[in-house]
Amino acid sequence: MAKSIFRNAFDRVVDARRREADRYVSRALLSLDDTTLAAIGRNREELHRVAKGSYSFW
């Protein structure tokens, strides 16, 4: 059965908010030094890739 228009719209809003949160967290993590990033299993290139989006409300 096909999704309703409301369910589809809700799913899109949730996905957009998730991507916005990912960008926010990535930008915050970029303020950490490379040693700390390595300790939590992240690297600067990955964070730059995720953080390069634009904020709608910023």
Protein backbone atom coordinates (compact mmCIF):
# COMPACT_ATOMS: atom_id res chain seq x y z
CA MET A 1 0.00 0.00 0.00
CA ALA A 2 1.30 3.46 -0.90
CA LYS A 3 2.27 5.92 1.80
CA SER A 4 -0.08 8.78 2.43
CA ILE A 5 0.96 12.28 1.47
CA PHE A 6 1.18 13.19 5.16
CA ARG A 7 3.47 10.28 5.99
CA ASN A 8 5.71 11.13 3.05
CA ALA A 9 5.89 14.80 4.13
CA PHE A 10 6.64 13.79 7.73
CA ASP A 11 9.44 11.46 6.58
CA ARG A 12 10.98 14.28 4.54
CA VAL A 13 10.87 16.69 7.49
CA VAL A 14 12.50 14.11 9.78
CA ASP A 15 15.23 13.44 7.22
CA ALA A 16 15.93 17.16 6.76
CA ARG A 17 16.20 17.70 10.52
CA ARG A 18 18.56 14.71 10.83
CA ARG A 19 20.84 16.12 8.13
CA GLU A 20 20.76 19.53 9.84
CA ALA A 21 21.76 17.94 13.15
CA ASP A 22 24.57 16.01 11.44
CA ARG A 23 25.94 19.25 9.97
CA TYR A 24 25.74 21.00 13.34
CA VAL A 25 27.55 18.21 15.18
CA SER A 26 30.21 17.94 12.49
CA ARG A 27 30.92 21.66 12.68
CA ALA A 28 31.19 21.47 16.45
CA LEU A 29 33.56 18.49 16.26
CA LEU A 30 35.79 20.38 13.83
CA SER A 31 36.81 22.61 16.74
CA LEU A 32 38.54 19.64 18.39
CA ASP A 33 42.18 18.78 17.77
CA ASP A 34 43.23 15.86 15.54
CA THR A 35 44.27 13.67 18.48
CA THR A 36 40.85 13.94 20.09
CA LEU A 37 39.10 13.29 16.78
CA ALA A 38 41.22 10.17 16.25
CA ALA A 39 40.37 8.99 19.78
CA ILE A 40 36.64 9.09 18.98
CA GLY A 41 37.11 7.48 15.58
CA ARG A 42 36.52 10.52 13.38
CA ASN A 43 38.75 12.31 10.91
CA ARG A 44 38.78 15.90 9.74
CA GLU A 45 38.06 15.06 6.06
CA GLU A 46 34.89 13.16 6.95
CA LEU A 47 33.68 16.02 9.15
CA HIS A 48 34.37 18.60 6.43
CA ARG A 49 32.34 16.52 3.97
CA VAL A 50 29.33 16.36 6.29
CA ALA A 51 29.63 19.95 7.54
CA LYS A 52 29.73 21.58 4.11
CA GLY A 53 25.97 21.93 3.88
CA SER A 54 24.26 25.22 4.54
CA TYR A 55 22.08 26.11 7.47
CA SER A 56 18.56 27.26 6.81
CA PHE A 57 18.23 29.04 10.13
CA TRP A 58 21.81 30.15 10.74
